[in-house]
PDB file of N, CA and C in Angstrom:
ATOM      1  N   MET A   1       0.810  -1.213   0.011  1.00  0.00           N
ATOM      2  CA  MET A   1      -0.024  -0.032  -0.011  1.00  0.00           C
ATOM      3  C   MET A   1       0.882   1.253  -0.009  1.00  0.00           C
ATOM      4  N   ALA A   2       1.986   1.257   0.704  1.00  0.00           N
ATOM      5  CA  ALA A   2       2.897   2.356   0.754  1.00  0.00           C
ATOM      6  C   ALA A   2       3.446   2.649  -0.688  1.00  0.00           C
ATOM      7  N   ARG A   3       3.763   1.547  -1.406  1.00  0.00           N
ATOM      8  CA  ARG A   3       4.245   1.759  -2.727  1.00  0.00           C
ATOM      9  C   ARG A   3       3.192   2.394  -3.667  1.00  0.00           C
ATOM     10  N   GLU A   4       1.975   1.956  -3.517  1.00  0.00           N
ATOM     11  CA  GLU A   4       0.872   2.582  -4.310  1.00  0.00           C
ATOM     12  C   GLU A   4       0.708   3.992  -4.043  1.00  0.00           C
ATOM     13  N   LEU A   5       0.727   4.338  -2.734  1.00  0.00           N
ATOM     14  CA  LEU A   5       0.679   5.682  -2.286  1.00  0.00           C
ATOM     15  C   LEU A   5       1.823   6.609  -2.834  1.00  0.00           C
ATOM     16  N   ALA A   6       2.986   6.049  -2.847  1.00  0.00           N
ATOM     17  CA  ALA A   6       4.163   6.815  -3.353  1.00  0.00           C
ATOM     18  C   ALA A   6       4.018   7.014  -4.946  1.00  0.00           C
ATOM     19  N   ASP A   7       3.488   5.932  -5.545  1.00  0.00           N
ATOM     20  CA  ASP A   7       3.264   6.029  -6.935  1.00  0.00           C
ATOM     21  C   ASP A   7       2.226   7.006  -7.347  1.00  0.00           C
ATOM     22  N   LEU A   8       1.197   7.095  -6.493  1.00  0.00           N
ATOM     23  CA  LEU A   8       0.110   8.065  -6.723  1.00  0.00           C
ATOM     24  C   LEU A   8       0.618   9.546  -6.554  1.00  0.00           C
ATOM     25  N   ARG A   9       1.445   9.684  -5.475  1.00  0.00           N
ATOM     26  CA  ARG A   9       2.052  10.989  -5.253  1.00  0.00           C
ATOM     27  C   ARG A   9       2.891  11.452  -6.368  1.00  0.00           C
ATOM     28  N   GLN A  10       3.697  10.515  -6.895  1.00  0.00           N
ATOM     29  CA  GLN A  10       4.570  10.822  -8.002  1.00  0.00           C
ATOM     30  C   GLN A  10       3.760  11.292  -9.292  1.00  0.00           C
ATOM     31  N   ARG A  11       2.673  10.559  -9.496  1.00  0.00           N
ATOM     32  CA  ARG A  11       1.814  10.903 -10.681  1.00  0.00           C
ATOM     33  C   ARG A  11       1.188  12.278 -10.467  1.00  0.00           C
ATOM     34  N   VAL A  12       0.791  12.584  -9.299  1.00  0.00           N
ATOM     35  CA  VAL A  12       0.107  13.858  -9.045  1.00  0.00           C
ATOM     36  C   VAL A  12       1.118  14.982  -9.132  1.00  0.00           C
ATOM     37  N   SER A  13       2.289  14.793  -8.596  1.00  0.00           N
ATOM     38  CA  SER A  13       3.263  15.892  -8.624  1.00  0.00           C
ATOM     39  C   SER A  13       3.936  16.102  -9.924  1.00  0.00           C
ATOM     40  N   THR A  14       3.865  15.075 -10.825  1.00  0.00           N
ATOM     41  CA  THR A  14       4.543  15.190 -12.094  1.00  0.00           C
ATOM     42  C   THR A  14       3.619  16.039 -13.001  1.00  0.00           C
ATOM     43  N   PRO A  15       4.149  17.212 -13.441  1.00  0.00           N
ATOM     44  CA  PRO A  15       3.317  18.059 -14.284  1.00  0.00           C
ATOM     45  C   PRO A  15       3.132  17.449 -15.722  1.00  0.00           C
ATOM     46  N   THR A  16       1.941  17.596 -16.170  1.00  0.00           N
ATOM     47  CA  THR A  16       1.663  17.141 -17.537  1.00  0.00           C
ATOM     48  C   THR A  16       1.544  18.324 -18.436  1.00  0.00           C
ATOM     49  N   GLN A  17       1.961  18.126 -19.637  1.00  0.00           N
ATOM     50  CA  GLN A  17       1.859  19.253 -20.629  1.00  0.00           C
ATOM     51  C   GLN A  17       0.447  19.358 -21.204  1.00  0.00           C
ATOM     52  N   THR A  18      -0.200  20.430 -20.917  1.00  0.00           N
ATOM     53  CA  THR A  18      -1.610  20.674 -21.493  1.00  0.00           C
ATOM     54  C   THR A  18      -1.586  21.920 -22.343  1.00  0.00           C
ATOM     55  N   LYS A  19      -2.372  21.894 -23.356  1.00  0.00           N
ATOM     56  CA  LYS A  19      -2.474  23.045 -24.156  1.00  0.00           C
ATOM     57  C   LYS A  19      -3.396  24.053 -23.428  1.00  0.00           C
ATOM     58  N   ASN A  20      -2.968  25.215 -23.393  1.00  0.00           N
ATOM     59  CA  ASN A  20      -3.771  26.361 -22.861  1.00  0.00           C
ATOM     60  C   ASN A  20      -4.806  26.748 -23.930  1.00  0.00           C
ATOM     61  N   LYS A  21      -6.023  26.707 -23.639  1.00  0.00           N
ATOM     62  CA  LYS A  21      -7.059  26.978 -24.552  1.00  0.00           C
ATOM     63  C   LYS A  21      -6.924  28.383 -25.056  1.00  0.00           C
ATOM     64  N   THR A  22      -6.373  29.306 -24.262  1.00  0.00           N
ATOM     65  CA  THR A  22      -6.233  30.679 -24.670  1.00  0.00           C
ATOM     66  C   THR A  22      -5.229  30.853 -25.725  1.00  0.00           C
ATOM     67  N   ASP A  23      -4.282  29.830 -25.902  1.00  0.00           N
ATOM     68  CA  ASP A  23      -3.223  29.897 -26.857  1.00  0.00           C
ATOM     69  C   ASP A  23      -3.786  29.498 -28.237  1.00  0.00           C
ATOM     70  N   ILE A  24      -4.905  28.856 -28.314  1.00  0.00           N
ATOM     71  CA  ILE A  24      -5.475  28.392 -29.589  1.00  0.00           C
ATOM     72  C   ILE A  24      -6.365  29.516 -30.192  1.00  0.00           C
ATOM     73  N   VAL A  25      -6.085  29.765 -31.461  1.00  0.00           N
ATOM     74  CA  VAL A  25      -6.837  30.838 -32.142  1.00  0.00           C
ATOM     75  C   VAL A  25      -7.604  30.233 -33.275  1.00  0.00           C
ATOM     76  N   LYS A  26      -8.890  30.455 -33.358  1.00  0.00           N
ATOM     77  CA  LYS A  26      -9.712  29.940 -34.472  1.00  0.00           C
ATOM     78  C   LYS A  26      -9.805  30.959 -35.526  1.00  0.00           C
ATOM     79  N   LEU A  27      -9.068  30.761 -36.585  1.00  0.00           N
ATOM     80  CA  LEU A  27      -9.109  31.658 -37.751  1.00  0.00           C
ATOM     81  C   LEU A  27     -10.052  31.206 -38.777  1.00  0.00           C
ATOM     82  N   ASP A  28     -10.794  32.123 -39.352  1.00  0.00           N
ATOM     83  CA  ASP A  28     -11.717  31.747 -40.442  1.00  0.00           C
ATOM     84  C   ASP A  28     -10.981  31.578 -41.696  1.00  0.00           C
ATOM     85  N   VAL A  29     -11.277  30.496 -42.320  1.00  0.00           N
ATOM     86  CA  VAL A  29     -10.602  30.102 -43.661  1.00  0.00           C
ATOM     87  C   VAL A  29     -11.706  30.153 -44.698  1.00  0.00           C
ATOM     88  N   SER A  30     -11.323  30.836 -45.792  1.00  0.00           N
ATOM     89  CA  SER A  30     -12.314  30.860 -46.910  1.00  0.00           C
ATOM     90  C   SER A  30     -12.459  29.468 -47.476  1.00  0.00           C
ATOM     91  N   THR A  31     -13.575  29.145 -48.054  1.00  0.00           N
ATOM     92  CA  THR A  31     -13.777  27.866 -48.744  1.00  0.00           C
ATOM     93  C   THR A  31     -13.156  27.913 -50.192  1.00  0.00           C
ATOM     94  N   TYR A  32     -12.905  26.746 -50.704  1.00  0.00           N
ATOM     95  CA  TYR A  32     -12.307  26.690 -52.055  1.00  0.00           C
ATOM     96  C   TYR A  32     -13.208  25.756 -52.943  1.00  0.00           C
ATOM     97  N   SER A  33     -13.634  26.373 -54.003  1.00  0.00           N
ATOM     98  CA  SER A  33     -14.436  25.544 -54.867  1.00  0.00           C
ATOM     99  C   SER A  33     -13.703  25.204 -56.248  1.00  0.00           C
ATOM    100  N   GLY A  34     -12.673  25.997 -56.511  1.00  0.00           N
ATOM    101  CA  GLY A  34     -11.964  25.775 -57.754  1.00  0.00           C
ATOM    102  C   GLY A  34     -12.634  26.453 -58.951  1.00  0.00           C
ATOM    103  N   GLU A  35     -13.760  27.222 -58.683  1.00  0.00           N
ATOM    104  CA  GLU A  35     -14.531  27.877 -59.766  1.00  0.00           C
ATOM    105  C   GLU A  35     -14.646  29.325 -59.491  1.00  0.00           C
ATOM    106  N   GLY A  36     -14.941  29.986 -60.591  1.00  0.00           N
ATOM    107  CA  GLY A  36     -15.259  31.379 -60.448  1.00  0.00           C
ATOM    108  C   GLY A  36     -14.021  32.285 -60.721  1.00  0.00           C
ATOM    109  N   ASP A  37     -14.382  33.606 -61.103  1.00  0.00           N
ATOM    110  CA  ASP A  37     -13.231  34.486 -61.392  1.00  0.00           C
ATOM    111  C   ASP A  37     -12.660  35.084 -60.207  1.00  0.00           C
ATOM    112  N   GLY A  38     -13.393  35.208 -59.086  1.00  0.00           N
ATOM    113  CA  GLY A  38     -12.888  35.807 -57.899  1.00  0.00           C
ATOM    114  C   GLY A  38     -12.180  34.840 -56.949  1.00  0.00           C
ATOM    115  N   ARG A  39     -11.989  33.539 -57.366  1.00  0.00           N
ATOM    116  CA  ARG A  39     -11.394  32.578 -56.477  1.00  0.00           C
ATOM    117  C   ARG A  39      -9.980  32.853 -56.188  1.00  0.00           C
ATOM    118  N   LEU A  40      -9.585  32.462 -54.966  1.00  0.00           N
ATOM    119  CA  LEU A  40      -8.216  32.595 -54.527  1.00  0.00           C
ATOM    120  C   LEU A  40      -7.349  31.515 -55.219  1.00  0.00           C
ATOM    121  N   HIS A  41      -6.108  31.886 -55.648  1.00  0.00           N
ATOM    122  CA  HIS A  41      -5.213  30.909 -56.231  1.00  0.00           C
ATOM    123  C   HIS A  41      -4.969  29.791 -55.293  1.00  0.00           C
ATOM    124  N   LEU A  42      -4.951  28.531 -55.800  1.00  0.00           N
ATOM    125  CA  LEU A  42      -4.850  27.338 -54.912  1.00  0.00           C
ATOM    126  C   LEU A  42      -3.676  27.359 -53.968  1.00  0.00           C
ATOM    127  N   ASN A  43      -2.572  27.846 -54.442  1.00  0.00           N
ATOM    128  CA  ASN A  43      -1.364  27.970 -53.489  1.00  0.00           C
ATOM    129  C   ASN A  43      -1.583  28.935 -52.406  1.00  0.00           C
ATOM    130  N   LEU A  44      -2.227  30.051 -52.762  1.00  0.00           N
ATOM    131  CA  LEU A  44      -2.544  31.004 -51.710  1.00  0.00           C
ATOM    132  C   LEU A  44      -3.532  30.466 -50.694  1.00  0.00           C
ATOM    133  N   TRP A  45      -4.550  29.730 -51.180  1.00  0.00           N
ATOM    134  CA  TRP A  45      -5.522  29.114 -50.312  1.00  0.00           C
ATOM    135  C   TRP A  45      -4.886  28.138 -49.432  1.00  0.00           C
ATOM    136  N   PHE A  46      -3.978  27.242 -49.949  1.00  0.00           N
ATOM    137  CA  PHE A  46      -3.274  26.354 -49.061  1.00  0.00           C
ATOM    138  C   PHE A  46      -2.458  27.022 -47.999  1.00  0.00           C
ATOM    139  N   GLY A  47      -1.880  28.170 -48.377  1.00  0.00           N
ATOM    140  CA  GLY A  47      -1.129  28.984 -47.320  1.00  0.00           C
ATOM    141  C   GLY A  47      -2.083  29.442 -46.231  1.00  0.00           C
ATOM    142  N   GLU A  48      -3.268  29.857 -46.670  1.00  0.00           N
ATOM    143  CA  GLU A  48      -4.338  30.342 -45.709  1.00  0.00           C
ATOM    144  C   GLU A  48      -4.724  29.197 -44.730  1.00  0.00           C
ATOM    145  N   VAL A  49      -4.913  28.027 -45.309  1.00  0.00           N
ATOM    146  CA  VAL A  49      -5.192  26.850 -44.556  1.00  0.00           C
ATOM    147  C   VAL A  49      -4.023  26.439 -43.537  1.00  0.00           C
ATOM    148  N   ASP A  50      -2.841  26.515 -44.033  1.00  0.00           N
ATOM    149  CA  ASP A  50      -1.705  26.220 -43.192  1.00  0.00           C
ATOM    150  C   ASP A  50      -1.606  27.182 -41.971  1.00  0.00           C
ATOM    151  N   ILE A  51      -1.898  28.418 -42.244  1.00  0.00           N
ATOM    152  CA  ILE A  51      -1.900  29.418 -41.101  1.00  0.00           C
ATOM    153  C   ILE A  51      -2.972  29.084 -40.075  1.00  0.00           C
ATOM    154  N   ALA A  52      -4.091  28.707 -40.608  1.00  0.00           N
ATOM    155  CA  ALA A  52      -5.254  28.334 -39.640  1.00  0.00           C
ATOM    156  C   ALA A  52      -4.888  27.099 -38.900  1.00  0.00           C
ATOM    157  N   ILE A  53      -4.321  26.108 -39.457  1.00  0.00           N
ATOM    158  CA  ILE A  53      -3.951  24.845 -38.879  1.00  0.00           C
ATOM    159  C   ILE A  53      -2.946  25.113 -37.759  1.00  0.00           C
ATOM    160  N   GLU A  54      -1.944  25.944 -38.044  1.00  0.00           N
ATOM    161  CA  GLU A  54      -0.983  26.274 -37.077  1.00  0.00           C
ATOM    162  C   GLU A  54      -1.590  27.062 -35.846  1.00  0.00           C
ATOM    163  N   ALA A  55      -2.490  28.011 -36.160  1.00  0.00           N
ATOM    164  CA  ALA A  55      -3.161  28.794 -35.119  1.00  0.00           C
ATOM    165  C   ALA A  55      -4.074  27.862 -34.226  1.00  0.00           C
ATOM    166  N   ARG A  56      -4.649  26.899 -34.860  1.00  0.00           N
ATOM    167  CA  ARG A  56      -5.545  26.021 -34.110  1.00  0.00           C
ATOM    168  C   ARG A  56      -4.730  24.925 -33.420  1.00  0.00           C
ATOM    169  N   GLN A  57      -3.503  24.831 -33.609  1.00  0.00           N
ATOM    170  CA  GLN A  57      -2.598  23.876 -33.026  1.00  0.00           C
ATOM    171  C   GLN A  57      -3.020  22.414 -33.401  1.00  0.00           C
ATOM    172  N   LEU A  58      -3.374  22.215 -34.657  1.00  0.00           N
ATOM    173  CA  LEU A  58      -3.751  20.878 -35.123  1.00  0.00           C
ATOM    174  C   LEU A  58      -2.435  20.097 -35.457  1.00  0.00           C
ATOM    175  N   ALA A  59      -2.092  19.106 -34.753  1.00  0.00           N
ATOM    176  CA  ALA A  59      -0.761  18.418 -34.893  1.00  0.00           C
ATOM    177  C   ALA A  59      -0.942  17.091 -35.638  1.00  0.00           C
ATOM    178  N   ILE A  60      -2.048  16.495 -35.578  1.00  0.00           N
ATOM    179  CA  ILE A  60      -2.257  15.178 -36.227  1.00  0.00           C
ATOM    180  C   ILE A  60      -2.575  15.362 -37.665  1.00  0.00           C
ATOM    181  N   GLU A  61      -1.849  14.684 -38.516  1.00  0.00           N
ATOM    182  CA  GLU A  61      -2.004  14.840 -39.974  1.00  0.00           C
ATOM    183  C   GLU A  61      -3.367  14.515 -40.438  1.00  0.00           C
ATOM    184  N   LEU A  62      -4.043  13.489 -39.899  1.00  0.00           N
ATOM    185  CA  LEU A  62      -5.354  13.136 -40.346  1.00  0.00           C
ATOM    186  C   LEU A  62      -6.337  14.269 -39.956  1.00  0.00           C
ATOM    187  N   VAL A  63      -6.125  14.883 -38.816  1.00  0.00           N
ATOM    188  CA  VAL A  63      -7.049  16.051 -38.435  1.00  0.00           C
ATOM    189  C   VAL A  63      -6.825  17.213 -39.372  1.00  0.00           C
ATOM    190  N   CYS A  64      -5.579  17.406 -39.796  1.00  0.00           N
ATOM    191  CA  CYS A  64      -5.330  18.490 -40.740  1.00  0.00           C
ATOM    192  C   CYS A  64      -6.014  18.278 -42.131  1.00  0.00           C
ATOM    193  N   THR A  65      -5.890  17.056 -42.545  1.00  0.00           N
ATOM    194  CA  THR A  65      -6.575  16.767 -43.904  1.00  0.00           C
ATOM    195  C   THR A  65      -8.013  16.844 -43.747  1.00  0.00           C
ATOM    196  N   ARG A  66      -8.656  16.394 -42.694  1.00  0.00           N
ATOM    197  CA  ARG A  66     -10.065  16.547 -42.544  1.00  0.00           C
ATOM    198  C   ARG A  66     -10.521  17.986 -42.415  1.00  0.00           C
ATOM    199  N   PHE A  67      -9.679  18.773 -41.750  1.00  0.00           N
ATOM    200  CA  PHE A  67      -9.979  20.245 -41.727  1.00  0.00           C
ATOM    201  C   PHE A  67      -9.939  20.816 -43.103  1.00  0.00           C
ATOM    202  N   LEU A  68      -8.956  20.483 -43.862  1.00  0.00           N
ATOM    203  CA  LEU A  68      -8.838  20.934 -45.269  1.00  0.00           C
ATOM    204  C   LEU A  68     -10.096  20.523 -46.079  1.00  0.00           C
ATOM    205  N   LEU A  69     -10.534  19.202 -45.912  1.00  0.00           N
ATOM    206  CA  LEU A  69     -11.643  18.730 -46.614  1.00  0.00           C
ATOM    207  C   LEU A  69     -12.902  19.448 -46.245  1.00  0.00           C
ATOM    208  N   SER A  70     -13.027  19.995 -45.001  1.00  0.00           N
ATOM    209  CA  SER A  70     -14.150  20.639 -44.607  1.00  0.00           C
ATOM    210  C   SER A  70     -14.205  22.073 -45.148  1.00  0.00           C
ATOM    211  N   LYS A  71     -13.163  22.560 -45.760  1.00  0.00           N
ATOM    212  CA  LYS A  71     -13.159  23.951 -46.364  1.00  0.00           C
ATOM    213  C   LYS A  71     -13.339  23.856 -47.853  1.00  0.00           C
ATOM    214  N   LEU A  72     -13.544  22.742 -48.394  1.00  0.00           N
ATOM    215  CA  LEU A  72     -13.803  22.591 -49.847  1.00  0.00           C
ATOM    216  C   LEU A  72     -15.287  22.731 -50.115  1.00  0.00           C
ATOM    217  N   THR A  73     -15.580  23.309 -51.292  1.00  0.00           N
ATOM    218  CA  THR A  73     -17.017  23.414 -51.784  1.00  0.00           C
ATOM    219  C   THR A  73     -17.125  23.086 -53.219  1.00  0.00           C
ATOM    220  N   GLY A  74     -18.312  22.947 -53.741  1.00  0.00           N
ATOM    221  CA  GLY A  74     -18.525  22.788 -55.147  1.00  0.00           C
ATOM    222  C   GLY A  74     -17.830  21.544 -55.728  1.00  0.00           C
ATOM    223  N   LYS A  75     -17.358  21.754 -56.941  1.00  0.00           N
ATOM    224  CA  LYS A  75     -16.693  20.632 -57.676  1.00  0.00           C
ATOM    225  C   LYS A  75     -15.450  20.121 -56.915  1.00  0.00           C
ATOM    226  N   ALA A  76     -14.740  20.995 -56.236  1.00  0.00           N
ATOM    227  CA  ALA A  76     -13.567  20.511 -55.461  1.00  0.00           C
ATOM    228  C   ALA A  76     -14.005  19.610 -54.390  1.00  0.00           C
ATOM    229  N   LYS A  77     -15.086  19.836 -53.687  1.00  0.00           N
ATOM    230  CA  LYS A  77     -15.555  19.027 -52.663  1.00  0.00           C
ATOM    231  C   LYS A  77     -16.051  17.647 -53.179  1.00  0.00           C
ATOM    232  N   GLU A  78     -16.827  17.740 -54.284  1.00  0.00           N
ATOM    233  CA  GLU A  78     -17.278  16.493 -54.992  1.00  0.00           C
ATOM    234  C   GLU A  78     -16.174  15.616 -55.339  1.00  0.00           C
ATOM    235  N   TRP A  79     -15.063  16.218 -55.926  1.00  0.00           N
ATOM    236  CA  TRP A  79     -13.926  15.463 -56.253  1.00  0.00           C
ATOM    237  C   TRP A  79     -13.223  14.831 -55.072  1.00  0.00           C
ATOM    238  N   ALA A  80     -13.048  15.618 -54.067  1.00  0.00           N
ATOM    239  CA  ALA A  80     -12.320  15.162 -52.933  1.00  0.00           C
ATOM    240  C   ALA A  80     -13.086  14.062 -52.106  1.00  0.00           C
ATOM    241  N   LEU A  81     -14.360  14.235 -52.039  1.00  0.00           N
ATOM    242  CA  LEU A  81     -15.184  13.262 -51.240  1.00  0.00           C
ATOM    243  C   LEU A  81     -15.336  11.987 -52.081  1.00  0.00           C
ATOM    244  N   GLY A  82     -15.215  12.019 -53.386  1.00  0.00           N
ATOM    245  CA  GLY A  82     -15.338  10.847 -54.224  1.00  0.00           C
ATOM    246  C   GLY A  82     -14.031  10.001 -54.176  1.00  0.00           C
ATOM    247  N   LYS A  83     -12.898  10.587 -53.895  1.00  0.00           N
ATOM    248  CA  LYS A  83     -11.618   9.925 -53.809  1.00  0.00           C
ATOM    249  C   LYS A  83     -11.665   8.844 -52.727  1.00  0.00           C
ATOM    250  N   PRO A  84     -11.957   9.144 -51.471  1.00  0.00           N
ATOM    251  CA  PRO A  84     -11.921   8.111 -50.468  1.00  0.00           C
ATOM    252  C   PRO A  84     -12.853   6.909 -50.748  1.00  0.00           C
ATOM    253  N   VAL A  85     -13.860   7.116 -51.431  1.00  0.00           N
ATOM    254  CA  VAL A  85     -14.735   5.972 -51.810  1.00  0.00           C
ATOM    255  C   VAL A  85     -14.036   4.995 -52.719  1.00  0.00           C
ATOM    256  N   ALA A  86     -13.211   5.506 -53.658  1.00  0.00           N
ATOM    257  CA  ALA A  86     -12.510   4.650 -54.466  1.00  0.00           C
ATOM    258  C   ALA A  86     -11.201   4.107 -53.860  1.00  0.00           C
ATOM    259  N   GLU A  87     -10.540   4.901 -53.036  1.00  0.00           N
ATOM    260  CA  GLU A  87      -9.303   4.465 -52.391  1.00  0.00           C
ATOM    261  C   GLU A  87      -9.213   5.053 -50.989  1.00  0.00           C
ATOM    262  N   ALA A  88      -9.323   4.240 -49.967  1.00  0.00           N
ATOM    263  CA  ALA A  88      -9.439   4.635 -48.609  1.00  0.00           C
ATOM    264  C   ALA A  88      -8.283   5.522 -48.140  1.00  0.00           C
ATOM    265  N   SER A  89      -7.053   5.224 -48.623  1.00  0.00           N
ATOM    266  CA  SER A  89      -5.868   5.895 -48.161  1.00  0.00           C
ATOM    267  C   SER A  89      -5.402   6.987 -49.108  1.00  0.00           C
ATOM    268  N   CYS A  90      -6.323   7.635 -49.819  1.00  0.00           N
ATOM    269  CA  CYS A  90      -5.920   8.613 -50.916  1.00  0.00           C
ATOM    270  C   CYS A  90      -5.320   9.857 -50.359  1.00  0.00           C
ATOM    271  N   PHE A  91      -5.697  10.316 -49.130  1.00  0.00           N
ATOM    272  CA  PHE A  91      -5.147  11.482 -48.557  1.00  0.00           C
ATOM    273  C   PHE A  91      -4.436  11.299 -47.252  1.00  0.00           C
ATOM    274  N   PRO A  92      -3.304  10.597 -47.241  1.00  0.00           N
ATOM    275  CA  PRO A  92      -2.675  10.323 -45.927  1.00  0.00           C
ATOM    276  C   PRO A  92      -2.066  11.625 -45.339  1.00  0.00           C
ATOM    277  N   THR A  93      -1.706  12.599 -46.208  1.00  0.00           N
ATOM    278  CA  THR A  93      -1.068  13.800 -45.655  1.00  0.00           C
ATOM    279  C   THR A  93      -1.627  14.981 -46.456  1.00  0.00           C
ATOM    280  N   MET A  94      -1.329  16.182 -45.844  1.00  0.00           N
ATOM    281  CA  MET A  94      -1.775  17.424 -46.514  1.00  0.00           C
ATOM    282  C   MET A  94      -1.027  17.608 -47.875  1.00  0.00           C
ATOM    283  N   SER A  95       0.288  17.235 -47.873  1.00  0.00           N
ATOM    284  CA  SER A  95       1.024  17.422 -49.100  1.00  0.00           C
ATOM    285  C   SER A  95       0.514  16.491 -50.204  1.00  0.00           C
ATOM    286  N   ALA A  96       0.075  15.300 -49.842  1.00  0.00           N
ATOM    287  CA  ALA A  96      -0.519  14.399 -50.844  1.00  0.00           C
ATOM    288  C   ALA A  96      -1.776  15.043 -51.481  1.00  0.00           C
ATOM    289  N   MET A  97      -2.604  15.622 -50.618  1.00  0.00           N
ATOM    290  CA  MET A  97      -3.841  16.292 -51.077  1.00  0.00           C
ATOM    291  C   MET A  97      -3.474  17.511 -51.949  1.00  0.00           C
ATOM    292  N   ASN A  98      -2.505  18.230 -51.508  1.00  0.00           N
ATOM    293  CA  ASN A  98      -2.075  19.435 -52.216  1.00  0.00           C
ATOM    294  C   ASN A  98      -1.650  18.941 -53.658  1.00  0.00           C
ATOM    295  N   ALA A  99      -0.895  17.916 -53.760  1.00  0.00           N
ATOM    296  CA  ALA A  99      -0.347  17.399 -55.021  1.00  0.00           C
ATOM    297  C   ALA A  99      -1.581  16.989 -55.983  1.00  0.00           C
ATOM    298  N   ASP A 100      -2.557  16.387 -55.350  1.00  0.00           N
ATOM    299  CA  ASP A 100      -3.725  15.903 -56.170  1.00  0.00           C
ATOM    300  C   ASP A 100      -4.614  16.997 -56.635  1.00  0.00           C
ATOM    301  N   LEU A 101      -4.727  18.018 -55.751  1.00  0.00           N
ATOM    302  CA  LEU A 101      -5.559  19.224 -56.156  1.00  0.00           C
ATOM    303  C   LEU A 101      -4.911  19.957 -57.289  1.00  0.00           C
TER     304      LEU A 101
END
């Protein structure tokens, strides 16, 4: 029992790294459809998405690609959502998605 108590004290006294919610900034990202005269160039749009991902502190690659997918509209979204149906591992990273777009 003394060992369990010592172990518990060590776990409680050991600081854990937590993200401070005040450090996370939610930036608005424009959607991308790939259509229209007023559309943002794809490279600029990816830059905007990268800034938002960094501000939101998204570290997991899958979360980043899903965030990017959520910002697509129109034909770009139709294309992107059709890809996983055909091939489940089609967007393993943001760079793979950038190359395909």
